[in-house]
Amino acid sequence: RFVADFVGQSNWPPVTVRDDGKVEL
């Protein structure tokens, strides 16, 4: 997380990983 945030601009929206492995935003 530190590298991702320190180098370049980034977005960090909250998401949910379902039991079937799918990701929801």
PDBML (XML) file of the C-alpha atoms, coordinates in Angstrom:
<?xml version="1.0" encoding="UTF-8" ?>
<PDBx:datablock datablockName="MODEL"
   xmlns:PDBx="http://pdbml.pdb.org/schema/pdbx-v50.xsd"
   xmlns:xsi="http://www.w3.org/2001/XMLSchema-instance"
   xsi:schemaLocation="http://pdbml.pdb.org/schema/pdbx-v50.xsd pdbx-v50.xsd">
   <PDBx:atom_siteCategory>
      <PDBx:atom_site id="1">
         <PDBx:B_iso_or_equiv>0.00</PDBx:B_iso_or_equiv>
         <PDBx:Cartn_x>0.000</PDBx:Cartn_x>
         <PDBx:Cartn_y>0.000</PDBx:Cartn_y>
         <PDBx:Cartn_z>0.000</PDBx:Cartn_z>
         <PDBx:auth_asym_id>A</PDBx:auth_asym_id>
         <PDBx:auth_atom_id>CA</PDBx:auth_atom_id>
         <PDBx:auth_comp_id>ARG</PDBx:auth_comp_id>
         <PDBx:auth_seq_id>1</PDBx:auth_seq_id>
         <PDBx:group_PDB>ATOM</PDBx:group_PDB>
         <PDBx:label_alt_id xsi:nil="true" />
         <PDBx:label_asym_id>A</PDBx:label_asym_id>
         <PDBx:label_atom_id>CA</PDBx:label_atom_id>
         <PDBx:label_comp_id>ARG</PDBx:label_comp_id>
         <PDBx:label_entity_id>1</PDBx:label_entity_id>
         <PDBx:label_seq_id>1</PDBx:label_seq_id>
         <PDBx:occupancy>1.00</PDBx:occupancy>
         <PDBx:pdbx_PDB_model_num>1</PDBx:pdbx_PDB_model_num>
         <PDBx:type_symbol>C</PDBx:type_symbol>
      </PDBx:atom_site>
      <PDBx:atom_site id="2">
         <PDBx:B_iso_or_equiv>0.00</PDBx:B_iso_or_equiv>
         <PDBx:Cartn_x>2.823</PDBx:Cartn_x>
         <PDBx:Cartn_y>2.406</PDBx:Cartn_y>
         <PDBx:Cartn_z>0.803</PDBx:Cartn_z>
         <PDBx:auth_asym_id>A</PDBx:auth_asym_id>
         <PDBx:auth_atom_id>CA</PDBx:auth_atom_id>
         <PDBx:auth_comp_id>PHE</PDBx:auth_comp_id>
         <PDBx:auth_seq_id>2</PDBx:auth_seq_id>
         <PDBx:group_PDB>ATOM</PDBx:group_PDB>
         <PDBx:label_alt_id xsi:nil="true" />
         <PDBx:label_asym_id>A</PDBx:label_asym_id>
         <PDBx:label_atom_id>CA</PDBx:label_atom_id>
         <PDBx:label_comp_id>PHE</PDBx:label_comp_id>
         <PDBx:label_entity_id>1</PDBx:label_entity_id>
         <PDBx:label_seq_id>2</PDBx:label_seq_id>
         <PDBx:occupancy>1.00</PDBx:occupancy>
         <PDBx:pdbx_PDB_model_num>1</PDBx:pdbx_PDB_model_num>
         <PDBx:type_symbol>C</PDBx:type_symbol>
      </PDBx:atom_site>
      <PDBx:atom_site id="3">
         <PDBx:B_iso_or_equiv>0.00</PDBx:B_iso_or_equiv>
         <PDBx:Cartn_x>4.480</PDBx:Cartn_x>
         <PDBx:Cartn_y>1.995</PDBx:Cartn_y>
         <PDBx:Cartn_z>-2.613</PDBx:Cartn_z>
         <PDBx:auth_asym_id>A</PDBx:auth_asym_id>
         <PDBx:auth_atom_id>CA</PDBx:auth_atom_id>
         <PDBx:auth_comp_id>VAL</PDBx:auth_comp_id>
         <PDBx:auth_seq_id>3</PDBx:auth_seq_id>
         <PDBx:group_PDB>ATOM</PDBx:group_PDB>
         <PDBx:label_alt_id xsi:nil="true" />
         <PDBx:label_asym_id>A</PDBx:label_asym_id>
         <PDBx:label_atom_id>CA</PDBx:label_atom_id>
         <PDBx:label_comp_id>VAL</PDBx:label_comp_id>
         <PDBx:label_entity_id>1</PDBx:label_entity_id>
         <PDBx:label_seq_id>3</PDBx:label_seq_id>
         <PDBx:occupancy>1.00</PDBx:occupancy>
         <PDBx:pdbx_PDB_model_num>1</PDBx:pdbx_PDB_model_num>
         <PDBx:type_symbol>C</PDBx:type_symbol>
      </PDBx:atom_site>
      <PDBx:atom_site id="4">
         <PDBx:B_iso_or_equiv>0.00</PDBx:B_iso_or_equiv>
         <PDBx:Cartn_x>1.136</PDBx:Cartn_x>
         <PDBx:Cartn_y>2.321</PDBx:Cartn_y>
         <PDBx:Cartn_z>-4.418</PDBx:Cartn_z>
         <PDBx:auth_asym_id>A</PDBx:auth_asym_id>
         <PDBx:auth_atom_id>CA</PDBx:auth_atom_id>
         <PDBx:auth_comp_id>ALA</PDBx:auth_comp_id>
         <PDBx:auth_seq_id>4</PDBx:auth_seq_id>
         <PDBx:group_PDB>ATOM</PDBx:group_PDB>
         <PDBx:label_alt_id xsi:nil="true" />
         <PDBx:label_asym_id>A</PDBx:label_asym_id>
         <PDBx:label_atom_id>CA</PDBx:label_atom_id>
         <PDBx:label_comp_id>ALA</PDBx:label_comp_id>
         <PDBx:label_entity_id>1</PDBx:label_entity_id>
         <PDBx:label_seq_id>4</PDBx:label_seq_id>
         <PDBx:occupancy>1.00</PDBx:occupancy>
         <PDBx:pdbx_PDB_model_num>1</PDBx:pdbx_PDB_model_num>
         <PDBx:type_symbol>C</PDBx:type_symbol>
      </PDBx:atom_site>
      <PDBx:atom_site id="5">
         <PDBx:B_iso_or_equiv>0.00</PDBx:B_iso_or_equiv>
         <PDBx:Cartn_x>0.325</PDBx:Cartn_x>
         <PDBx:Cartn_y>5.537</PDBx:Cartn_y>
         <PDBx:Cartn_z>-2.562</PDBx:Cartn_z>
         <PDBx:auth_asym_id>A</PDBx:auth_asym_id>
         <PDBx:auth_atom_id>CA</PDBx:auth_atom_id>
         <PDBx:auth_comp_id>ASP</PDBx:auth_comp_id>
         <PDBx:auth_seq_id>5</PDBx:auth_seq_id>
         <PDBx:group_PDB>ATOM</PDBx:group_PDB>
         <PDBx:label_alt_id xsi:nil="true" />
         <PDBx:label_asym_id>A</PDBx:label_asym_id>
         <PDBx:label_atom_id>CA</PDBx:label_atom_id>
         <PDBx:label_comp_id>ASP</PDBx:label_comp_id>
         <PDBx:label_entity_id>1</PDBx:label_entity_id>
         <PDBx:label_seq_id>5</PDBx:label_seq_id>
         <PDBx:occupancy>1.00</PDBx:occupancy>
         <PDBx:pdbx_PDB_model_num>1</PDBx:pdbx_PDB_model_num>
         <PDBx:type_symbol>C</PDBx:type_symbol>
      </PDBx:atom_site>
      <PDBx:atom_site id="6">
         <PDBx:B_iso_or_equiv>0.00</PDBx:B_iso_or_equiv>
         <PDBx:Cartn_x>3.813</PDBx:Cartn_x>
         <PDBx:Cartn_y>7.085</PDBx:Cartn_y>
         <PDBx:Cartn_z>-2.558</PDBx:Cartn_z>
         <PDBx:auth_asym_id>A</PDBx:auth_asym_id>
         <PDBx:auth_atom_id>CA</PDBx:auth_atom_id>
         <PDBx:auth_comp_id>PHE</PDBx:auth_comp_id>
         <PDBx:auth_seq_id>6</PDBx:auth_seq_id>
         <PDBx:group_PDB>ATOM</PDBx:group_PDB>
         <PDBx:label_alt_id xsi:nil="true" />
         <PDBx:label_asym_id>A</PDBx:label_asym_id>
         <PDBx:label_atom_id>CA</PDBx:label_atom_id>
         <PDBx:label_comp_id>PHE</PDBx:label_comp_id>
         <PDBx:label_entity_id>1</PDBx:label_entity_id>
         <PDBx:label_seq_id>6</PDBx:label_seq_id>
         <PDBx:occupancy>1.00</PDBx:occupancy>
         <PDBx:pdbx_PDB_model_num>1</PDBx:pdbx_PDB_model_num>
         <PDBx:type_symbol>C</PDBx:type_symbol>
      </PDBx:atom_site>
      <PDBx:atom_site id="7">
         <PDBx:B_iso_or_equiv>0.00</PDBx:B_iso_or_equiv>
         <PDBx:Cartn_x>4.631</PDBx:Cartn_x>
         <PDBx:Cartn_y>6.633</PDBx:Cartn_y>
         <PDBx:Cartn_z>-6.244</PDBx:Cartn_z>
         <PDBx:auth_asym_id>A</PDBx:auth_asym_id>
         <PDBx:auth_atom_id>CA</PDBx:auth_atom_id>
         <PDBx:auth_comp_id>VAL</PDBx:auth_comp_id>
         <PDBx:auth_seq_id>7</PDBx:auth_seq_id>
         <PDBx:group_PDB>ATOM</PDBx:group_PDB>
         <PDBx:label_alt_id xsi:nil="true" />
         <PDBx:label_asym_id>A</PDBx:label_asym_id>
         <PDBx:label_atom_id>CA</PDBx:label_atom_id>
         <PDBx:label_comp_id>VAL</PDBx:label_comp_id>
         <PDBx:label_entity_id>1</PDBx:label_entity_id>
         <PDBx:label_seq_id>7</PDBx:label_seq_id>
         <PDBx:occupancy>1.00</PDBx:occupancy>
         <PDBx:pdbx_PDB_model_num>1</PDBx:pdbx_PDB_model_num>
         <PDBx:type_symbol>C</PDBx:type_symbol>
      </PDBx:atom_site>
      <PDBx:atom_site id="8">
         <PDBx:B_iso_or_equiv>0.00</PDBx:B_iso_or_equiv>
         <PDBx:Cartn_x>2.311</PDBx:Cartn_x>
         <PDBx:Cartn_y>8.524</PDBx:Cartn_y>
         <PDBx:Cartn_z>-8.584</PDBx:Cartn_z>
         <PDBx:auth_asym_id>A</PDBx:auth_asym_id>
         <PDBx:auth_atom_id>CA</PDBx:auth_atom_id>
         <PDBx:auth_comp_id>GLY</PDBx:auth_comp_id>
         <PDBx:auth_seq_id>8</PDBx:auth_seq_id>
         <PDBx:group_PDB>ATOM</PDBx:group_PDB>
         <PDBx:label_alt_id xsi:nil="true" />
         <PDBx:label_asym_id>A</PDBx:label_asym_id>
         <PDBx:label_atom_id>CA</PDBx:label_atom_id>
         <PDBx:label_comp_id>GLY</PDBx:label_comp_id>
         <PDBx:label_entity_id>1</PDBx:label_entity_id>
         <PDBx:label_seq_id>8</PDBx:label_seq_id>
         <PDBx:occupancy>1.00</PDBx:occupancy>
         <PDBx:pdbx_PDB_model_num>1</PDBx:pdbx_PDB_model_num>
         <PDBx:type_symbol>C</PDBx:type_symbol>
      </PDBx:atom_site>
      <PDBx:atom_site id="9">
         <PDBx:B_iso_or_equiv>0.00</PDBx:B_iso_or_equiv>
         <PDBx:Cartn_x>-1.330</PDBx:Cartn_x>
         <PDBx:Cartn_y>9.525</PDBx:Cartn_y>
         <PDBx:Cartn_z>-8.172</PDBx:Cartn_z>
         <PDBx:auth_asym_id>A</PDBx:auth_asym_id>
         <PDBx:auth_atom_id>CA</PDBx:auth_atom_id>
         <PDBx:auth_comp_id>GLN</PDBx:auth_comp_id>
         <PDBx:auth_seq_id>9</PDBx:auth_seq_id>
         <PDBx:group_PDB>ATOM</PDBx:group_PDB>
         <PDBx:label_alt_id xsi:nil="true" />
         <PDBx:label_asym_id>A</PDBx:label_asym_id>
         <PDBx:label_atom_id>CA</PDBx:label_atom_id>
         <PDBx:label_comp_id>GLN</PDBx:label_comp_id>
         <PDBx:label_entity_id>1</PDBx:label_entity_id>
         <PDBx:label_seq_id>9</PDBx:label_seq_id>
         <PDBx:occupancy>1.00</PDBx:occupancy>
         <PDBx:pdbx_PDB_model_num>1</PDBx:pdbx_PDB_model_num>
         <PDBx:type_symbol>C</PDBx:type_symbol>
      </PDBx:atom_site>
      <PDBx:atom_site id="10">
         <PDBx:B_iso_or_equiv>0.00</PDBx:B_iso_or_equiv>
         <PDBx:Cartn_x>-3.854</PDBx:Cartn_x>
         <PDBx:Cartn_y>6.871</PDBx:Cartn_y>
         <PDBx:Cartn_z>-7.182</PDBx:Cartn_z>
         <PDBx:auth_asym_id>A</PDBx:auth_asym_id>
         <PDBx:auth_atom_id>CA</PDBx:auth_atom_id>
         <PDBx:auth_comp_id>SER</PDBx:auth_comp_id>
         <PDBx:auth_seq_id>10</PDBx:auth_seq_id>
         <PDBx:group_PDB>ATOM</PDBx:group_PDB>
         <PDBx:label_alt_id xsi:nil="true" />
         <PDBx:label_asym_id>A</PDBx:label_asym_id>
         <PDBx:label_atom_id>CA</PDBx:label_atom_id>
         <PDBx:label_comp_id>SER</PDBx:label_comp_id>
         <PDBx:label_entity_id>1</PDBx:label_entity_id>
         <PDBx:label_seq_id>10</PDBx:label_seq_id>
         <PDBx:occupancy>1.00</PDBx:occupancy>
         <PDBx:pdbx_PDB_model_num>1</PDBx:pdbx_PDB_model_num>
         <PDBx:type_symbol>C</PDBx:type_symbol>
      </PDBx:atom_site>
      <PDBx:atom_site id="11">
         <PDBx:B_iso_or_equiv>0.00</PDBx:B_iso_or_equiv>
         <PDBx:Cartn_x>-7.516</PDBx:Cartn_x>
         <PDBx:Cartn_y>6.246</PDBx:Cartn_y>
         <PDBx:Cartn_z>-6.393</PDBx:Cartn_z>
         <PDBx:auth_asym_id>A</PDBx:auth_asym_id>
         <PDBx:auth_atom_id>CA</PDBx:auth_atom_id>
         <PDBx:auth_comp_id>ASN</PDBx:auth_comp_id>
         <PDBx:auth_seq_id>11</PDBx:auth_seq_id>
         <PDBx:group_PDB>ATOM</PDBx:group_PDB>
         <PDBx:label_alt_id xsi:nil="true" />
         <PDBx:label_asym_id>A</PDBx:label_asym_id>
         <PDBx:label_atom_id>CA</PDBx:label_atom_id>
         <PDBx:label_comp_id>ASN</PDBx:label_comp_id>
         <PDBx:label_entity_id>1</PDBx:label_entity_id>
         <PDBx:label_seq_id>11</PDBx:label_seq_id>
         <PDBx:occupancy>1.00</PDBx:occupancy>
         <PDBx:pdbx_PDB_model_num>1</PDBx:pdbx_PDB_model_num>
         <PDBx:type_symbol>C</PDBx:type_symbol>
      </PDBx:atom_site>
      <PDBx:atom_site id="12">
         <PDBx:B_iso_or_equiv>0.00</PDBx:B_iso_or_equiv>
         <PDBx:Cartn_x>-8.625</PDBx:Cartn_x>
         <PDBx:Cartn_y>4.089</PDBx:Cartn_y>
         <PDBx:Cartn_z>-3.445</PDBx:Cartn_z>
         <PDBx:auth_asym_id>A</PDBx:auth_asym_id>
         <PDBx:auth_atom_id>CA</PDBx:auth_atom_id>
         <PDBx:auth_comp_id>TRP</PDBx:auth_comp_id>
         <PDBx:auth_seq_id>12</PDBx:auth_seq_id>
         <PDBx:group_PDB>ATOM</PDBx:group_PDB>
         <PDBx:label_alt_id xsi:nil="true" />
         <PDBx:label_asym_id>A</PDBx:label_asym_id>
         <PDBx:label_atom_id>CA</PDBx:label_atom_id>
         <PDBx:label_comp_id>TRP</PDBx:label_comp_id>
         <PDBx:label_entity_id>1</PDBx:label_entity_id>
         <PDBx:label_seq_id>12</PDBx:label_seq_id>
         <PDBx:occupancy>1.00</PDBx:occupancy>
         <PDBx:pdbx_PDB_model_num>1</PDBx:pdbx_PDB_model_num>
         <PDBx:type_symbol>C</PDBx:type_symbol>
      </PDBx:atom_site>
      <PDBx:atom_site id="13">
         <PDBx:B_iso_or_equiv>0.00</PDBx:B_iso_or_equiv>
         <PDBx:Cartn_x>-12.387</PDBx:Cartn_x>
         <PDBx:Cartn_y>3.454</PDBx:Cartn_y>
         <PDBx:Cartn_z>-3.672</PDBx:Cartn_z>
         <PDBx:auth_asym_id>A</PDBx:auth_asym_id>
         <PDBx:auth_atom_id>CA</PDBx:auth_atom_id>
         <PDBx:auth_comp_id>PRO</PDBx:auth_comp_id>
         <PDBx:auth_seq_id>13</PDBx:auth_seq_id>
         <PDBx:group_PDB>ATOM</PDBx:group_PDB>
         <PDBx:label_alt_id xsi:nil="true" />
         <PDBx:label_asym_id>A</PDBx:label_asym_id>
         <PDBx:label_atom_id>CA</PDBx:label_atom_id>
         <PDBx:label_comp_id>PRO</PDBx:label_comp_id>
         <PDBx:label_entity_id>1</PDBx:label_entity_id>
         <PDBx:label_seq_id>13</PDBx:label_seq_id>
         <PDBx:occupancy>1.00</PDBx:occupancy>
         <PDBx:pdbx_PDB_model_num>1</PDBx:pdbx_PDB_model_num>
         <PDBx:type_symbol>C</PDBx:type_symbol>
      </PDBx:atom_site>
      <PDBx:atom_site id="14">
         <PDBx:B_iso_or_equiv>0.00</PDBx:B_iso_or_equiv>
         <PDBx:Cartn_x>-13.873</PDBx:Cartn_x>
         <PDBx:Cartn_y>0.886</PDBx:Cartn_y>
         <PDBx:Cartn_z>-1.246</PDBx:Cartn_z>
         <PDBx:auth_asym_id>A</PDBx:auth_asym_id>
         <PDBx:auth_atom_id>CA</PDBx:auth_atom_id>
         <PDBx:auth_comp_id>PRO</PDBx:auth_comp_id>
         <PDBx:auth_seq_id>14</PDBx:auth_seq_id>
         <PDBx:group_PDB>ATOM</PDBx:group_PDB>
         <PDBx:label_alt_id xsi:nil="true" />
         <PDBx:label_asym_id>A</PDBx:label_asym_id>
         <PDBx:label_atom_id>CA</PDBx:label_atom_id>
         <PDBx:label_comp_id>PRO</PDBx:label_comp_id>
         <PDBx:label_entity_id>1</PDBx:label_entity_id>
         <PDBx:label_seq_id>14</PDBx:label_seq_id>
         <PDBx:occupancy>1.00</PDBx:occupancy>
         <PDBx:pdbx_PDB_model_num>1</PDBx:pdbx_PDB_model_num>
         <PDBx:type_symbol>C</PDBx:type_symbol>
      </PDBx:atom_site>
      <PDBx:atom_site id="15">
         <PDBx:B_iso_or_equiv>0.00</PDBx:B_iso_or_equiv>
         <PDBx:Cartn_x>-15.003</PDBx:Cartn_x>
         <PDBx:Cartn_y>-2.395</PDBx:Cartn_y>
         <PDBx:Cartn_z>-2.799</PDBx:Cartn_z>
         <PDBx:auth_asym_id>A</PDBx:auth_asym_id>
         <PDBx:auth_atom_id>CA</PDBx:auth_atom_id>
         <PDBx:auth_comp_id>VAL</PDBx:auth_comp_id>
         <PDBx:auth_seq_id>15</PDBx:auth_seq_id>
         <PDBx:group_PDB>ATOM</PDBx:group_PDB>
         <PDBx:label_alt_id xsi:nil="true" />
         <PDBx:label_asym_id>A</PDBx:label_asym_id>
         <PDBx:label_atom_id>CA</PDBx:label_atom_id>
         <PDBx:label_comp_id>VAL</PDBx:label_comp_id>
         <PDBx:label_entity_id>1</PDBx:label_entity_id>
         <PDBx:label_seq_id>15</PDBx:label_seq_id>
         <PDBx:occupancy>1.00</PDBx:occupancy>
         <PDBx:pdbx_PDB_model_num>1</PDBx:pdbx_PDB_model_num>
         <PDBx:type_symbol>C</PDBx:type_symbol>
      </PDBx:atom_site>
      <PDBx:atom_site id="16">
         <PDBx:B_iso_or_equiv>0.00</PDBx:B_iso_or_equiv>
         <PDBx:Cartn_x>-16.445</PDBx:Cartn_x>
         <PDBx:Cartn_y>-5.713</PDBx:Cartn_y>
         <PDBx:Cartn_z>-1.662</PDBx:Cartn_z>
         <PDBx:auth_asym_id>A</PDBx:auth_asym_id>
         <PDBx:auth_atom_id>CA</PDBx:auth_atom_id>
         <PDBx:auth_comp_id>THR</PDBx:auth_comp_id>
         <PDBx:auth_seq_id>16</PDBx:auth_seq_id>
         <PDBx:group_PDB>ATOM</PDBx:group_PDB>
         <PDBx:label_alt_id xsi:nil="true" />
         <PDBx:label_asym_id>A</PDBx:label_asym_id>
         <PDBx:label_atom_id>CA</PDBx:label_atom_id>
         <PDBx:label_comp_id>THR</PDBx:label_comp_id>
         <PDBx:label_entity_id>1</PDBx:label_entity_id>
         <PDBx:label_seq_id>16</PDBx:label_seq_id>
         <PDBx:occupancy>1.00</PDBx:occupancy>
         <PDBx:pdbx_PDB_model_num>1</PDBx:pdbx_PDB_model_num>
         <PDBx:type_symbol>C</PDBx:type_symbol>
      </PDBx:atom_site>
      <PDBx:atom_site id="17">
         <PDBx:B_iso_or_equiv>0.00</PDBx:B_iso_or_equiv>
         <PDBx:Cartn_x>-15.106</PDBx:Cartn_x>
         <PDBx:Cartn_y>-9.137</PDBx:Cartn_y>
         <PDBx:Cartn_z>-2.617</PDBx:Cartn_z>
         <PDBx:auth_asym_id>A</PDBx:auth_asym_id>
         <PDBx:auth_atom_id>CA</PDBx:auth_atom_id>
         <PDBx:auth_comp_id>VAL</PDBx:auth_comp_id>
         <PDBx:auth_seq_id>17</PDBx:auth_seq_id>
         <PDBx:group_PDB>ATOM</PDBx:group_PDB>
         <PDBx:label_alt_id xsi:nil="true" />
         <PDBx:label_asym_id>A</PDBx:label_asym_id>
         <PDBx:label_atom_id>CA</PDBx:label_atom_id>
         <PDBx:label_comp_id>VAL</PDBx:label_comp_id>
         <PDBx:label_entity_id>1</PDBx:label_entity_id>
         <PDBx:label_seq_id>17</PDBx:label_seq_id>
         <PDBx:occupancy>1.00</PDBx:occupancy>
         <PDBx:pdbx_PDB_model_num>1</PDBx:pdbx_PDB_model_num>
         <PDBx:type_symbol>C</PDBx:type_symbol>
      </PDBx:atom_site>
      <PDBx:atom_site id="18">
         <PDBx:B_iso_or_equiv>0.00</PDBx:B_iso_or_equiv>
         <PDBx:Cartn_x>-18.050</PDBx:Cartn_x>
         <PDBx:Cartn_y>-11.547</PDBx:Cartn_y>
         <PDBx:Cartn_z>-2.732</PDBx:Cartn_z>
         <PDBx:auth_asym_id>A</PDBx:auth_asym_id>
         <PDBx:auth_atom_id>CA</PDBx:auth_atom_id>
         <PDBx:auth_comp_id>ARG</PDBx:auth_comp_id>
         <PDBx:auth_seq_id>18</PDBx:auth_seq_id>
         <PDBx:group_PDB>ATOM</PDBx:group_PDB>
         <PDBx:label_alt_id xsi:nil="true" />
         <PDBx:label_asym_id>A</PDBx:label_asym_id>
         <PDBx:label_atom_id>CA</PDBx:label_atom_id>
         <PDBx:label_comp_id>ARG</PDBx:label_comp_id>
         <PDBx:label_entity_id>1</PDBx:label_entity_id>
         <PDBx:label_seq_id>18</PDBx:label_seq_id>
         <PDBx:occupancy>1.00</PDBx:occupancy>
         <PDBx:pdbx_PDB_model_num>1</PDBx:pdbx_PDB_model_num>
         <PDBx:type_symbol>C</PDBx:type_symbol>
      </PDBx:atom_site>
      <PDBx:atom_site id="19">
         <PDBx:B_iso_or_equiv>0.00</PDBx:B_iso_or_equiv>
         <PDBx:Cartn_x>-17.902</PDBx:Cartn_x>
         <PDBx:Cartn_y>-15.180</PDBx:Cartn_y>
         <PDBx:Cartn_z>-1.621</PDBx:Cartn_z>
         <PDBx:auth_asym_id>A</PDBx:auth_asym_id>
         <PDBx:auth_atom_id>CA</PDBx:auth_atom_id>
         <PDBx:auth_comp_id>ASP</PDBx:auth_comp_id>
         <PDBx:auth_seq_id>19</PDBx:auth_seq_id>
         <PDBx:group_PDB>ATOM</PDBx:group_PDB>
         <PDBx:label_alt_id xsi:nil="true" />
         <PDBx:label_asym_id>A</PDBx:label_asym_id>
         <PDBx:label_atom_id>CA</PDBx:label_atom_id>
         <PDBx:label_comp_id>ASP</PDBx:label_comp_id>
         <PDBx:label_entity_id>1</PDBx:label_entity_id>
         <PDBx:label_seq_id>19</PDBx:label_seq_id>
         <PDBx:occupancy>1.00</PDBx:occupancy>
         <PDBx:pdbx_PDB_model_num>1</PDBx:pdbx_PDB_model_num>
         <PDBx:type_symbol>C</PDBx:type_symbol>
      </PDBx:atom_site>
      <PDBx:atom_site id="20">
         <PDBx:B_iso_or_equiv>0.00</PDBx:B_iso_or_equiv>
         <PDBx:Cartn_x>-17.711</PDBx:Cartn_x>
         <PDBx:Cartn_y>-16.214</PDBx:Cartn_y>
         <PDBx:Cartn_z>-5.276</PDBx:Cartn_z>
         <PDBx:auth_asym_id>A</PDBx:auth_asym_id>
         <PDBx:auth_atom_id>CA</PDBx:auth_atom_id>
         <PDBx:auth_comp_id>ASP</PDBx:auth_comp_id>
         <PDBx:auth_seq_id>20</PDBx:auth_seq_id>
         <PDBx:group_PDB>ATOM</PDBx:group_PDB>
         <PDBx:label_alt_id xsi:nil="true" />
         <PDBx:label_asym_id>A</PDBx:label_asym_id>
         <PDBx:label_atom_id>CA</PDBx:label_atom_id>
         <PDBx:label_comp_id>ASP</PDBx:label_comp_id>
         <PDBx:label_entity_id>1</PDBx:label_entity_id>
         <PDBx:label_seq_id>20</PDBx:label_seq_id>
         <PDBx:occupancy>1.00</PDBx:occupancy>
         <PDBx:pdbx_PDB_model_num>1</PDBx:pdbx_PDB_model_num>
         <PDBx:type_symbol>C</PDBx:type_symbol>
      </PDBx:atom_site>
      <PDBx:atom_site id="21">
         <PDBx:B_iso_or_equiv>0.00</PDBx:B_iso_or_equiv>
         <PDBx:Cartn_x>-14.582</PDBx:Cartn_x>
         <PDBx:Cartn_y>-14.044</PDBx:Cartn_y>
         <PDBx:Cartn_z>-5.745</PDBx:Cartn_z>
         <PDBx:auth_asym_id>A</PDBx:auth_asym_id>
         <PDBx:auth_atom_id>CA</PDBx:auth_atom_id>
         <PDBx:auth_comp_id>GLY</PDBx:auth_comp_id>
         <PDBx:auth_seq_id>21</PDBx:auth_seq_id>
         <PDBx:group_PDB>ATOM</PDBx:group_PDB>
         <PDBx:label_alt_id xsi:nil="true" />
         <PDBx:label_asym_id>A</PDBx:label_asym_id>
         <PDBx:label_atom_id>CA</PDBx:label_atom_id>
         <PDBx:label_comp_id>GLY</PDBx:label_comp_id>
         <PDBx:label_entity_id>1</PDBx:label_entity_id>
         <PDBx:label_seq_id>21</PDBx:label_seq_id>
         <PDBx:occupancy>1.00</PDBx:occupancy>
         <PDBx:pdbx_PDB_model_num>1</PDBx:pdbx_PDB_model_num>
         <PDBx:type_symbol>C</PDBx:type_symbol>
      </PDBx:atom_site>
      <PDBx:atom_site id="22">
         <PDBx:B_iso_or_equiv>0.00</PDBx:B_iso_or_equiv>
         <PDBx:Cartn_x>-16.299</PDBx:Cartn_x>
         <PDBx:Cartn_y>-11.342</PDBx:Cartn_y>
         <PDBx:Cartn_z>-7.801</PDBx:Cartn_z>
         <PDBx:auth_asym_id>A</PDBx:auth_asym_id>
         <PDBx:auth_atom_id>CA</PDBx:auth_atom_id>
         <PDBx:auth_comp_id>LYS</PDBx:auth_comp_id>
         <PDBx:auth_seq_id>22</PDBx:auth_seq_id>
         <PDBx:group_PDB>ATOM</PDBx:group_PDB>
         <PDBx:label_alt_id xsi:nil="true" />
         <PDBx:label_asym_id>A</PDBx:label_asym_id>
         <PDBx:label_atom_id>CA</PDBx:label_atom_id>
         <PDBx:label_comp_id>LYS</PDBx:label_comp_id>
         <PDBx:label_entity_id>1</PDBx:label_entity_id>
         <PDBx:label_seq_id>22</PDBx:label_seq_id>
         <PDBx:occupancy>1.00</PDBx:occupancy>
         <PDBx:pdbx_PDB_model_num>1</PDBx:pdbx_PDB_model_num>
         <PDBx:type_symbol>C</PDBx:type_symbol>
      </PDBx:atom_site>
      <PDBx:atom_site id="23">
         <PDBx:B_iso_or_equiv>0.00</PDBx:B_iso_or_equiv>
         <PDBx:Cartn_x>-15.550</PDBx:Cartn_x>
         <PDBx:Cartn_y>-7.715</PDBx:Cartn_y>
         <PDBx:Cartn_z>-6.939</PDBx:Cartn_z>
         <PDBx:auth_asym_id>A</PDBx:auth_asym_id>
         <PDBx:auth_atom_id>CA</PDBx:auth_atom_id>
         <PDBx:auth_comp_id>VAL</PDBx:auth_comp_id>
         <PDBx:auth_seq_id>23</PDBx:auth_seq_id>
         <PDBx:group_PDB>ATOM</PDBx:group_PDB>
         <PDBx:label_alt_id xsi:nil="true" />
         <PDBx:label_asym_id>A</PDBx:label_asym_id>
         <PDBx:label_atom_id>CA</PDBx:label_atom_id>
         <PDBx:label_comp_id>VAL</PDBx:label_comp_id>
         <PDBx:label_entity_id>1</PDBx:label_entity_id>
         <PDBx:label_seq_id>23</PDBx:label_seq_id>
         <PDBx:occupancy>1.00</PDBx:occupancy>
         <PDBx:pdbx_PDB_model_num>1</PDBx:pdbx_PDB_model_num>
         <PDBx:type_symbol>C</PDBx:type_symbol>
      </PDBx:atom_site>
      <PDBx:atom_site id="24">
         <PDBx:B_iso_or_equiv>0.00</PDBx:B_iso_or_equiv>
         <PDBx:Cartn_x>-18.233</PDBx:Cartn_x>
         <PDBx:Cartn_y>-5.047</PDBx:Cartn_y>
         <PDBx:Cartn_z>-6.549</PDBx:Cartn_z>
         <PDBx:auth_asym_id>A</PDBx:auth_asym_id>
         <PDBx:auth_atom_id>CA</PDBx:auth_atom_id>
         <PDBx:auth_comp_id>GLU</PDBx:auth_comp_id>
         <PDBx:auth_seq_id>24</PDBx:auth_seq_id>
         <PDBx:group_PDB>ATOM</PDBx:group_PDB>
         <PDBx:label_alt_id xsi:nil="true" />
         <PDBx:label_asym_id>A</PDBx:label_asym_id>
         <PDBx:label_atom_id>CA</PDBx:label_atom_id>
         <PDBx:label_comp_id>GLU</PDBx:label_comp_id>
         <PDBx:label_entity_id>1</PDBx:label_entity_id>
         <PDBx:label_seq_id>24</PDBx:label_seq_id>
         <PDBx:occupancy>1.00</PDBx:occupancy>
         <PDBx:pdbx_PDB_model_num>1</PDBx:pdbx_PDB_model_num>
         <PDBx:type_symbol>C</PDBx:type_symbol>
      </PDBx:atom_site>
      <PDBx:atom_site id="25">
         <PDBx:B_iso_or_equiv>0.00</PDBx:B_iso_or_equiv>
         <PDBx:Cartn_x>-17.799</PDBx:Cartn_x>
         <PDBx:Cartn_y>-1.275</PDBx:Cartn_y>
         <PDBx:Cartn_z>-6.643</PDBx:Cartn_z>
         <PDBx:auth_asym_id>A</PDBx:auth_asym_id>
         <PDBx:auth_atom_id>CA</PDBx:auth_atom_id>
         <PDBx:auth_comp_id>LEU</PDBx:auth_comp_id>
         <PDBx:auth_seq_id>25</PDBx:auth_seq_id>
         <PDBx:group_PDB>ATOM</PDBx:group_PDB>
         <PDBx:label_alt_id xsi:nil="true" />
         <PDBx:label_asym_id>A</PDBx:label_asym_id>
         <PDBx:label_atom_id>CA</PDBx:label_atom_id>
         <PDBx:label_comp_id>LEU</PDBx:label_comp_id>
         <PDBx:label_entity_id>1</PDBx:label_entity_id>
         <PDBx:label_seq_id>25</PDBx:label_seq_id>
         <PDBx:occupancy>1.00</PDBx:occupancy>
         <PDBx:pdbx_PDB_model_num>1</PDBx:pdbx_PDB_model_num>
         <PDBx:type_symbol>C</PDBx:type_symbol>
      </PDBx:atom_site>
   </PDBx:atom_siteCategory>
</PDBx:datablock>
